[in-house]
Each structure stands twice: as C-alpha cells, then as structure tokens.
Amino acid sequence: MDSLSIKFERKKLYDEIWDISLTGVSKKYGLNYTKLVQACKENNIPYPSSAYWTKKNMGLDFSTEIVELTESEEKEIEIPLKNTGVLIDEKVSNKDKFIQEFNFLNFLEEGEKKKVAEVIYDLSVDKYKRNHKVIIEYKNKKKEERREERKANYFNPYYNVHDYVEKGYFSNISKLQKDRCMKILSAIYFAIEELGGKVNNDFSLQVREERITVEIEELQDKVMHELTKEEAKKLLEYEESQKRHTFGYKPNIRKYDYVYNGKLKITCGNRKYIRENDKIRLEDKLGDIIIKLYEQSEETKNERLEREEIARRQREEEERKEKIRNAKKKEAQKIKELINCAEDYKIACEIRNYIDAVSKKENLTDEIKEWINWANKKANWFDPTIDEEDELLGKRDHTESMDNKNNKLDKYGSYYDWY
C-alpha cells in the first residue's frame, strides 16, 4: 500500500459505502472525498442516493433504492488519502499543455475546468500590486481601533502603545508574517473572483455558490520556557521561605512556551489544508489552494443536497401525515353530523307516531286538531329530509350536537335570546 493511498477490494468498498455512506467511508479511512467519488464512477461502483438514506433513517422500505454491484475484472481499487493528493509542484512550461494535461476537478464541466487551469497557471503573489479590498478594509478598521484605544488611554500613565493586541482574523499571525499572509490571501481572492466567485467581508468565499471558510495561521514550535527576572525572583523567594520553614506559595511557572516559527498553514473549509515546510512555501502552492477550495465546494454542495433531500422527504412525510390527519378529522366530523341528523330524524318520527296516536282518539276537539297541525309542523322542523323553517325558531341546524340544539331551545325566550 502506497503511503499516499489505500487499496480496497471492490466488493468490500461497495459494502462499506452502502453501510456508512460515501462521507462515512471518506472520514473512516481519511480518503480524499472527491477522488473516492471519482473512483466509484470509474469502477462502476454504485453508491446510495439521498432517498436511500432518508427511507433507511425513517424506518421505511428502502429496498427499491438499492443498486446491486455488477461484475468487473478489476478486483482492487486504489484511492488517494485526504490532503495527500498530487499537488502542482512544478508547472508545465507550455500553458496550453498545462491546461490540456490538467487532471484535477473532474467533477467540473470541461469549460469550467479549463478556466480554472488557466487561472492557476497564471496565478502568483507578484501578479497583483495591491491587496484585495476586503484586506484593505480590514487594515483600515484595525488602524481605527488602535487610534481609538490610544485616545481612550491618553491620560493612563500605565498604558503602553506597544501593548496593543490585535483581535480578529489575523490574531494567529505574528507581525513579521502578517503582510505576507495578506498578499497570499489577496492573490487567492482575486483568482476566485476571476473564476466567478465572491469574497465575503468575513474572509469566507463563495465558490460555485457554496460558502467556504478560509483560515490562515502561523505554526508554532514548543520550546522550553526561559525564566523571566520576575519569575526568577518569585522562585528564589519561595525557596528561601522553604529554607526558613515559613509559609509561602510556589509560583506557577509554565514549563513550555509556544513561539511562532514563520511557517504558515491555510485551511479550506473544515477538512482540506496545506501547510508549509522547510522546502515548500504557500506562495508556491496557490494553485493547490484553489483546487482544494473547489474540492471543498463540491463536498459542501453534496452534503447540502443530501440535507435538502432529507428535509424534503421529511416535509413530504409530514404533509402526507397531515393530509391523513385532516382527512380523518373531516370524516369524523361528517359522521358526527350524520349521527346528529339521524337523531333529529328519529325525533321527527317519534313525534309523528305520537300525532298518529292522538289522531286516533274519538271526538277530537278543535283545540286538539289545531295542536295536531302545530305538531306536524314541528315534526317537519325536526326532520332533516324536509328541513322546514319555523316561523319563530327559524331553521334547525341538524348537523349540530344534540346538546347544542337543546341549549338553543333553552335559550329561546330567555333574557339571553338576542335573535
């Protein structure tokens, strides 16, 4: 196994991808995510769609989303490790040849890929005579902060202008390296804008519509701490107190110091970084930084699309459940209304039966005949199939519950009868 890559059995790689996802495999083995996707495509290794993970995570049937692995003569696949992909150490002297042989960012369309190669070939710190406007605005802001601090401490006898500690984007950079960092970042910013991207005021970038953070820092060496005069004095006082057997606090003196070593490290997003060593400087790796920014944008896009797909599936599932809930609620309400109407119809039938019984009496008086006529009207008022309107009570809402309808009858003629 090459120290810059890992070899996988084709079937084992397929099984792991479908078990823990492309991102999971990339993180587990420290692989270059983009190269992993590229290797899967080149070797006909299917990988799960976002729908597969959505259904699997929600406990739904995901069998229809599984794509079986086909047979292939290739049994082993070699994939580069993360941050150890082939970097552009030396540019080809011929620009056209460099663009033609540019074998990175294969997820881009050919035209965009050639544009990136062209920008990388011409990219250098010396190409730009001034800093990017975001850098210039940052420097002006820090100058104003220093000016305001000096003004606020004008009458403070203990204030030393050299004690000012800058807070912000370049707080992890020594004064000696700050201007150099600004020139490196400016070159990157101008290149990204030339490629259609955008530079945000917080020093992050928009690469292919994806927001990518860029962090630059100066590395530090761990060295033995050298005692200051004040620390040596405190330590001596403590040792003297121990000799005299008197009480004294042992001074808390750190053992190591961390000092800037002049070597820079730039991180694109959360994972991809390039750091200097004794032979390579960041100024010589501007092309590789652009490549890593694009690789990070592709990973960010894929992760975003996966999140959006999961969110879309969840919304669809919630909408489906809400639709079922509403349908059940509507159906239950219709059943209640049906029962209420049936109860009114039952009362109307009972009234008519009662009227028939009264009508069978002999020697019906005019008063009883008038009552029978009135009762028939009330039966028609109760009957939802006739739905006759009463002169005084109006129409009866047959779909209401019996309690509500009885409450209305109790209310008629009372102090609260406003209708």
Protein backbone atom coordinates (compact mmCIF):
# COMPACT_ATOMS: atom_id res chain seq x y z
CA MET A 1 0.00 0.00 0.00
CA ASP A 2 1.31 3.42 -1.02
CA SER A 3 1.69 5.81 1.91
CA LEU A 4 -0.39 8.32 -0.07
CA SER A 5 -3.28 5.97 -0.89
CA ILE A 6 -5.22 2.91 0.26
CA LYS A 7 -6.18 -0.15 -1.77
CA PHE A 8 -9.65 -1.64 -1.35
CA GLU A 9 -11.30 -4.80 -2.55
CA ARG A 10 -14.08 -3.66 -4.88
CA LYS A 11 -16.83 -5.65 -3.09
CA LYS A 12 -15.67 -4.54 0.37
CA LEU A 13 -15.68 -0.88 -0.69
CA TYR A 14 -19.21 -1.28 -2.11
CA ASP A 15 -20.45 -2.88 1.15
CA GLU A 16 -18.94 -0.16 3.35
CA ILE A 17 -20.32 2.67 1.20
CA TRP A 18 -23.85 1.25 1.43
CA ASP A 19 -23.40 0.71 5.17
CA ILE A 20 -22.00 4.07 6.31
CA SER A 21 -22.19 6.29 3.15
CA LEU A 22 -19.50 7.87 0.96
CA THR A 23 -18.84 10.56 3.54
CA GLY A 24 -18.56 7.94 6.28
CA VAL A 25 -16.00 5.88 4.33
CA SER A 26 -14.06 9.04 3.48
CA LYS A 27 -13.85 10.03 7.17
CA LYS A 28 -13.17 6.48 8.40
CA TYR A 29 -10.08 5.97 6.23
CA GLY A 30 -9.05 9.62 5.73
CA LEU A 31 -9.70 9.46 1.99
CA ASN A 32 -9.94 12.27 -0.50
CA TYR A 33 -13.74 12.51 -0.90
CA THR A 34 -13.67 13.76 -4.49
CA LYS A 35 -11.22 11.02 -5.53
CA LEU A 36 -13.43 8.44 -3.79
CA VAL A 37 -16.48 9.52 -5.82
CA GLN A 38 -14.38 9.57 -8.98
CA ALA A 39 -13.04 6.06 -8.27
CA CYS A 40 -16.59 4.73 -7.75
CA LYS A 41 -17.72 6.17 -11.09
CA GLU A 42 -14.68 4.85 -12.97
CA ASN A 43 -15.06 1.35 -11.48
CA ASN A 44 -18.87 1.13 -11.79
CA ILE A 45 -19.43 1.00 -8.04
CA PRO A 46 -22.95 2.35 -7.35
CA TYR A 47 -23.44 4.46 -4.23
CA PRO A 48 -26.67 5.28 -2.36
CA SER A 49 -28.87 8.20 -3.26
CA SER A 50 -30.17 10.60 -0.63
CA ALA A 51 -33.58 8.88 -0.96
CA TYR A 52 -31.96 5.62 0.23
CA TRP A 53 -30.66 7.26 3.44
CA THR A 54 -33.93 9.12 4.01
CA LYS A 55 -36.01 5.94 3.85
CA LYS A 56 -33.47 3.96 5.87
CA ASN A 57 -33.22 6.58 8.62
CA MET A 58 -37.03 6.93 8.81
CA GLY A 59 -37.56 3.17 9.03
CA LEU A 60 -39.27 2.96 5.62
CA ASP A 61 -38.81 0.30 2.94
CA PHE A 62 -35.60 1.23 1.08
CA SER A 63 -35.19 -2.00 -0.95
CA THR A 64 -36.20 -0.24 -4.18
CA GLU A 65 -33.31 2.23 -3.77
CA ILE A 66 -30.58 -0.45 -3.63
CA VAL A 67 -28.41 -0.79 -6.75
CA GLU A 68 -26.57 -4.11 -6.99
CA LEU A 69 -22.84 -4.30 -7.72
CA THR A 70 -22.04 -5.59 -11.21
CA GLU A 71 -19.14 -7.91 -12.02
CA SER A 72 -15.81 -6.40 -13.07
CA GLU A 73 -12.32 -7.56 -13.94
CA GLU A 74 -10.89 -5.01 -11.50
CA LYS A 75 -10.78 -6.53 -8.02
CA GLU A 76 -8.74 -3.85 -6.23
CA ILE A 77 -9.12 -0.07 -6.27
CA GLU A 78 -6.55 2.47 -5.12
CA ILE A 79 -7.84 5.73 -3.63
CA PRO A 80 -5.70 8.72 -2.51
CA LEU A 81 -5.72 9.77 1.12
CA LYS A 82 -7.14 13.13 2.14
CA ASN A 83 -4.73 16.08 1.83
CA THR A 84 -2.13 13.90 0.08
CA GLY A 85 -3.42 14.13 -3.47
CA VAL A 86 -0.97 15.04 -6.21
CA LEU A 87 -0.16 18.73 -5.85
CA ILE A 88 1.09 21.09 -8.52
CA ASP A 89 4.73 21.33 -7.50
CA GLU A 90 6.04 22.47 -10.85
CA LYS A 91 4.07 24.00 -13.68
CA VAL A 92 4.49 22.83 -17.24
CA SER A 93 6.37 25.45 -19.23
CA ASN A 94 3.78 25.44 -22.00
CA LYS A 95 0.44 26.92 -20.89
CA ASP A 96 -1.67 25.07 -23.47
CA LYS A 97 -0.04 21.78 -22.50
CA PHE A 98 -0.66 22.51 -18.80
CA ILE A 99 -4.36 23.19 -19.43
CA GLN A 100 -4.67 20.11 -21.62
CA GLU A 101 -2.99 17.82 -19.06
CA PHE A 102 -4.80 19.34 -16.06
CA ASN A 103 -6.19 16.22 -14.37
CA PHE A 104 -7.95 17.69 -11.33
CA LEU A 105 -11.53 18.71 -10.51
CA ASN A 106 -13.05 16.13 -12.87
CA PHE A 107 -16.47 16.85 -11.38
CA LEU A 108 -16.47 20.19 -13.24
CA GLU A 109 -17.71 20.70 -16.76
CA GLU A 110 -14.86 20.80 -19.27
CA GLY A 111 -15.15 24.53 -19.97
CA GLU A 112 -15.10 25.46 -16.28
CA LYS A 113 -12.26 23.04 -15.64
CA LYS A 114 -10.14 24.67 -18.36
CA LYS A 115 -10.89 28.12 -16.94
CA VAL A 116 -9.63 27.01 -13.51
CA ALA A 117 -6.48 25.55 -15.06
CA GLU A 118 -5.84 28.79 -16.95
CA VAL A 119 -6.22 30.93 -13.81
CA ILE A 120 -3.99 28.58 -11.79
CA TYR A 121 -1.25 28.66 -14.42
CA ASP A 122 -1.03 32.47 -14.31
CA LEU A 123 -1.56 32.78 -10.54
CA SER A 124 1.19 34.25 -8.37
CA VAL A 125 1.51 36.67 -5.47
CA ASP A 126 3.55 39.08 -7.60
CA LYS A 127 0.78 39.30 -10.20
CA TYR A 128 -1.17 41.72 -8.01
CA LYS A 129 0.40 45.00 -6.88
CA ARG A 130 -2.16 45.79 -4.19
CA ASN A 131 -4.15 43.93 -1.57
CA HIS A 132 -7.75 42.89 -2.10
CA LYS A 133 -10.36 45.44 -0.97
CA VAL A 134 -11.51 43.14 1.88
CA ILE A 135 -7.93 43.12 3.22
CA ILE A 136 -7.64 46.90 2.81
CA GLU A 137 -10.93 47.45 4.69
CA TYR A 138 -9.71 45.14 7.46
CA LYS A 139 -6.41 47.06 7.82
CA ASN A 140 -8.22 50.40 7.94
CA LYS A 141 -10.60 49.07 10.58
CA LYS A 142 -7.72 47.87 12.79
CA LYS A 143 -5.94 51.23 12.41
CA GLU A 144 -9.06 52.97 13.63
CA GLU A 145 -9.33 50.55 16.59
CA ARG A 146 -5.72 51.29 17.61
CA ARG A 147 -6.36 55.03 17.26
CA GLU A 148 -9.47 54.80 19.46
CA GLU A 149 -7.61 52.76 22.08
CA ARG A 150 -4.78 55.30 22.27
CA LYS A 151 -7.33 58.10 22.59
CA ALA A 152 -9.15 56.27 25.41
CA ASN A 153 -5.86 55.74 27.30
CA TYR A 154 -4.40 59.18 26.67
CA PHE A 155 -4.29 60.03 30.38
CA ASN A 156 -3.40 56.48 31.54
CA PRO A 157 0.26 56.57 32.76
CA TYR A 158 0.47 52.76 32.66
CA TYR A 159 -0.67 52.42 29.04
CA ASN A 160 1.97 51.40 26.52
CA VAL A 161 1.10 51.72 22.85
CA HIS A 162 3.21 48.65 22.12
CA ASP A 163 0.99 46.53 24.36
CA TYR A 164 -1.83 46.64 21.81
CA VAL A 165 -3.01 43.11 20.98
CA GLU A 166 -4.87 42.75 17.71
CA LYS A 167 -8.03 40.67 17.80
CA GLY A 168 -9.61 39.36 14.64
CA TYR A 169 -8.85 37.34 11.56
CA PHE A 170 -5.04 37.65 11.79
CA SER A 171 -4.75 37.15 15.55
CA ASN A 172 -2.89 33.84 14.99
CA ILE A 173 -0.22 35.52 12.88
CA SER A 174 2.97 37.22 14.06
CA LYS A 175 3.65 40.79 12.94
CA LEU A 176 6.51 39.57 10.75
CA GLN A 177 4.24 37.32 8.69
CA LYS A 178 1.08 39.45 8.56
CA ASP A 179 1.83 41.36 5.36
CA ARG A 180 2.88 38.14 3.67
CA CYS A 181 -0.39 36.46 4.68
CA MET A 182 -2.36 39.39 3.30
CA LYS A 183 -0.61 39.13 -0.06
CA ILE A 184 -1.28 35.36 -0.25
CA LEU A 185 -4.96 35.80 0.60
CA SER A 186 -5.31 38.69 -1.83
CA ALA A 187 -3.96 36.55 -4.67
CA ILE A 188 -6.44 33.79 -3.78
CA TYR A 189 -9.33 36.28 -3.54
CA PHE A 190 -8.55 37.88 -6.92
CA ALA A 191 -8.33 34.41 -8.52
CA ILE A 192 -11.67 33.30 -7.07
CA GLU A 193 -13.34 36.48 -8.32
CA GLU A 194 -11.82 35.92 -11.74
CA LEU A 195 -13.44 32.47 -11.72
CA GLY A 196 -16.86 33.97 -10.95
CA GLY A 197 -16.76 33.56 -7.17
CA LYS A 198 -17.22 36.12 -4.44
CA VAL A 199 -15.27 37.27 -1.37
CA ASN A 200 -17.33 37.99 1.75
CA ASN A 201 -16.46 40.59 4.37
CA ASP A 202 -15.80 37.83 6.94
CA PHE A 203 -12.98 36.49 4.68
CA SER A 204 -15.07 33.49 3.57
CA LEU A 205 -15.57 32.73 -0.14
CA GLN A 206 -18.46 31.86 -2.42
CA VAL A 207 -17.14 29.11 -4.68
CA ARG A 208 -19.70 27.72 -7.13
CA GLU A 209 -22.48 29.22 -4.96
CA GLU A 210 -21.17 27.42 -1.85
CA ARG A 211 -19.79 29.30 1.16
CA ILE A 212 -16.28 28.11 2.03
CA THR A 213 -14.37 29.37 5.06
CA VAL A 214 -10.66 30.10 4.70
CA GLU A 215 -8.44 30.18 7.78
CA ILE A 216 -4.76 31.10 7.74
CA GLU A 217 -2.46 30.72 10.73
CA GLU A 218 1.21 30.64 11.62
CA LEU A 219 2.52 27.42 13.09
CA GLN A 220 4.24 27.39 16.48
CA ASP A 221 7.13 25.46 17.97
CA LYS A 222 7.10 24.09 21.51
CA VAL A 223 10.24 25.25 23.38
CA MET A 224 11.42 25.19 26.96
CA HIS A 225 10.31 28.24 28.89
CA GLU A 226 13.06 30.67 29.91
CA LEU A 227 12.56 32.27 33.31
CA THR A 228 11.95 35.98 33.35
CA LYS A 229 13.57 38.19 36.00
CA GLU A 230 10.25 38.50 37.82
CA GLU A 231 9.68 34.71 37.77
CA ALA A 232 13.24 34.03 38.96
CA LYS A 233 12.74 36.48 41.84
CA LYS A 234 9.48 34.82 42.93
CA LEU A 235 11.04 31.36 42.70
CA LEU A 236 14.02 32.48 44.82
CA GLU A 237 11.71 33.98 47.47
CA TYR A 238 9.76 30.71 47.62
CA GLU A 239 12.95 28.63 48.04
CA GLU A 240 14.17 30.96 50.82
CA SER A 241 10.83 30.60 52.65
CA GLN A 242 11.19 26.82 52.47
CA LYS A 243 14.64 27.00 53.99
CA ARG A 244 13.31 29.13 56.85
CA HIS A 245 10.36 26.76 57.20
CA THR A 246 7.93 29.61 56.73
CA PHE A 247 4.74 29.54 54.66
CA GLY A 248 4.96 30.54 51.04
CA TYR A 249 3.21 29.87 47.72
CA LYS A 250 5.17 28.15 44.99
CA PRO A 251 4.94 30.34 41.86
CA ASN A 252 3.06 28.78 38.96
CA ILE A 253 5.62 28.93 36.16
CA ARG A 254 4.88 27.27 32.84
CA LYS A 255 7.32 24.69 31.56
CA TYR A 256 6.99 25.35 27.83
CA ASP A 257 6.45 28.30 25.50
CA TYR A 258 4.88 28.26 22.04
CA VAL A 259 6.64 30.55 19.61
CA TYR A 260 5.79 31.38 16.01
CA ASN A 261 8.13 29.68 13.53
CA GLY A 262 7.32 31.60 10.34
CA LYS A 263 5.59 28.62 8.67
CA LEU A 264 2.01 29.15 7.53
CA LYS A 265 -0.96 26.84 7.24
CA ILE A 266 -4.13 27.55 5.27
CA THR A 267 -7.34 25.58 5.80
CA CYS A 268 -10.15 25.48 3.25
CA GLY A 269 -13.44 24.58 4.89
CA ASN A 270 -13.30 22.08 7.74
CA ARG A 271 -11.00 19.45 6.30
CA LYS A 272 -8.67 20.49 3.50
CA TYR A 273 -5.44 22.26 4.36
CA ILE A 274 -1.94 22.98 3.05
CA ARG A 275 0.95 23.76 5.35
CA GLU A 276 4.44 24.97 4.71
CA ASN A 277 7.60 23.06 5.43
CA ASP A 278 11.29 23.81 5.07
CA LYS A 279 11.13 23.35 1.29
CA ILE A 280 7.65 24.48 0.24
CA ARG A 281 6.05 27.89 0.80
CA LEU A 282 2.38 28.79 0.39
CA GLU A 283 3.28 31.23 -2.39
CA ASP A 284 4.28 28.17 -4.46
CA LYS A 285 1.02 26.36 -3.64
CA LEU A 286 -1.59 28.91 -4.69
CA GLY A 287 -2.84 26.57 -7.43
CA ASP A 288 -3.26 23.73 -4.96
CA ILE A 289 -5.20 26.04 -2.64
CA ILE A 290 -7.61 26.89 -5.48
CA ILE A 291 -8.03 23.16 -6.19
CA LYS A 292 -8.78 22.43 -2.55
CA LEU A 293 -11.31 25.26 -2.43
CA TYR A 294 -13.12 23.72 -5.40
CA GLU A 295 -12.94 20.23 -3.88
CA GLN A 296 -14.37 21.61 -0.64
CA SER A 297 -17.16 23.34 -2.57
CA GLU A 298 -18.09 20.02 -4.20
CA GLU A 299 -18.18 18.25 -0.83
CA THR A 300 -20.19 21.10 0.68
CA LYS A 301 -22.63 21.00 -2.23
CA ASN A 302 -23.12 17.23 -1.94
CA GLU A 303 -23.65 17.48 1.82
CA ARG A 304 -26.10 20.36 1.33
CA LEU A 305 -28.03 18.48 -1.35
CA GLU A 306 -28.18 15.43 0.91
CA ARG A 307 -29.52 17.56 3.79
CA GLU A 308 -32.03 19.24 1.49
CA GLU A 309 -33.19 15.88 0.14
CA ILE A 310 -33.64 14.53 3.66
CA ALA A 311 -35.51 17.70 4.64
CA ARG A 312 -37.69 17.44 1.51
CA ARG A 313 -38.54 13.83 2.25
CA GLN A 314 -39.35 14.73 5.84
CA ARG A 315 -41.60 17.58 4.67
CA GLU A 316 -43.37 15.25 2.24
CA GLU A 317 -43.84 12.70 5.01
CA GLU A 318 -45.21 15.36 7.37
CA GLU A 319 -47.53 16.64 4.64
CA ARG A 320 -48.73 13.09 3.99
CA LYS A 321 -49.40 12.53 7.69
CA GLU A 322 -51.10 15.93 7.99
CA LYS A 323 -53.28 15.09 4.98
CA ILE A 324 -54.30 11.80 6.60
CA ARG A 325 -54.99 13.58 9.91
CA ASN A 326 -57.15 16.18 8.18
CA ALA A 327 -59.00 13.51 6.21
CA LYS A 328 -59.69 11.54 9.41
CA LYS A 329 -60.80 14.69 11.20
CA LYS A 330 -63.12 15.62 8.33
CA GLU A 331 -64.52 12.10 8.16
CA ALA A 332 -65.12 12.02 11.91
CA GLN A 333 -66.93 15.37 11.71
CA LYS A 334 -69.14 14.09 8.88
CA ILE A 335 -70.01 11.01 10.92
CA LYS A 336 -70.93 13.18 13.91
CA GLU A 337 -73.12 15.33 11.68
CA LEU A 338 -74.72 12.20 10.25
CA ILE A 339 -75.48 10.92 13.75
CA ASN A 340 -76.92 14.33 14.72
CA CYS A 341 -79.14 14.40 11.64
CA ALA A 342 -80.25 10.81 12.33
CA GLU A 343 -81.16 11.78 15.90
CA ASP A 344 -83.31 14.66 14.60
CA TYR A 345 -84.98 12.31 12.12
CA LYS A 346 -85.66 9.83 14.91
CA ILE A 347 -87.31 12.59 17.00
CA ALA A 348 -89.42 13.64 13.99
CA CYS A 349 -90.58 10.03 13.53
CA GLU A 350 -91.45 9.72 17.23
CA ILE A 351 -93.43 12.99 17.10
CA ARG A 352 -95.39 11.70 14.08
CA ASN A 353 -96.08 8.41 15.85
CA TYR A 354 -97.35 10.37 18.80
CA ILE A 355 -99.53 12.53 16.50
CA ASP A 356 -100.97 9.36 14.93
CA ALA A 357 -101.83 8.03 18.37
CA VAL A 358 -103.53 11.29 19.31
CA SER A 359 -105.36 11.45 15.97
CA LYS A 360 -106.97 8.05 16.64
CA LYS A 361 -108.91 9.42 19.58
CA GLU A 362 -112.68 9.89 19.15
CA ASN A 363 -114.44 13.23 19.27
CA LEU A 364 -111.35 15.37 18.53
CA THR A 365 -111.89 18.95 19.61
CA ASP A 366 -110.89 21.98 17.55
CA GLU A 367 -108.13 22.63 20.05
CA ILE A 368 -106.67 19.12 19.56
CA LYS A 369 -106.96 19.48 15.79
CA GLU A 370 -105.09 22.77 15.98
CA TRP A 371 -102.43 21.09 18.15
CA ILE A 372 -102.07 18.25 15.61
CA ASN A 373 -101.48 20.80 12.85
CA TRP A 374 -98.87 22.58 15.01
CA ALA A 375 -97.14 19.28 15.97
CA ASN A 376 -96.86 18.22 12.31
CA LYS A 377 -95.09 21.46 11.56
CA LYS A 378 -92.68 20.82 14.43
CA ALA A 379 -92.08 17.29 13.13
CA ASN A 380 -91.21 18.80 9.74
CA TRP A 381 -88.91 21.28 11.52
CA PHE A 382 -87.08 18.37 13.24
CA ASP A 383 -86.99 16.23 10.06
CA PRO A 384 -83.70 16.88 8.14
CA THR A 385 -85.22 15.37 4.98
CA ILE A 386 -87.84 18.15 4.94
CA ASP A 387 -85.88 20.88 6.74
CA GLU A 388 -88.85 23.17 7.14
CA GLU A 389 -88.27 26.63 8.57
CA ASP A 390 -90.21 27.56 11.69
CA GLU A 391 -91.95 30.94 11.88
CA LEU A 392 -90.39 31.73 15.27
CA LEU A 393 -87.37 29.43 15.61
CA GLY A 394 -86.12 29.64 12.04
CA LYS A 395 -84.19 26.73 10.50
CA ARG A 396 -82.81 23.96 12.70
CA ASP A 397 -79.11 23.11 12.25
CA HIS A 398 -79.45 19.33 12.12
CA THR A 399 -75.66 18.77 11.99
CA GLU A 400 -75.09 20.32 15.44
CA SER A 401 -74.79 18.12 18.51
CA MET A 402 -77.95 17.43 20.46
CA ASP A 403 -76.57 19.30 23.49
CA ASN A 404 -76.04 22.46 21.42
CA LYS A 405 -79.50 22.21 19.87
CA ASN A 406 -81.12 21.69 23.28
CA ASN A 407 -79.18 24.64 24.67
CA LYS A 408 -80.57 26.81 21.90
CA LEU A 409 -84.11 25.67 22.77
CA ASP A 410 -83.47 26.54 26.41
CA LYS A 411 -82.20 29.96 25.37
CA TYR A 412 -85.21 30.92 23.22
CA GLY A 413 -87.40 33.40 25.08
CA SER A 414 -84.84 33.91 27.84
CA TYR A 415 -83.04 37.10 28.78
CA TYR A 416 -80.07 35.97 26.54
CA ASP A 417 -82.20 35.38 23.45
CA TRP A 418 -80.84 38.07 21.17
CA TYR A 419 -82.00 36.53 17.87
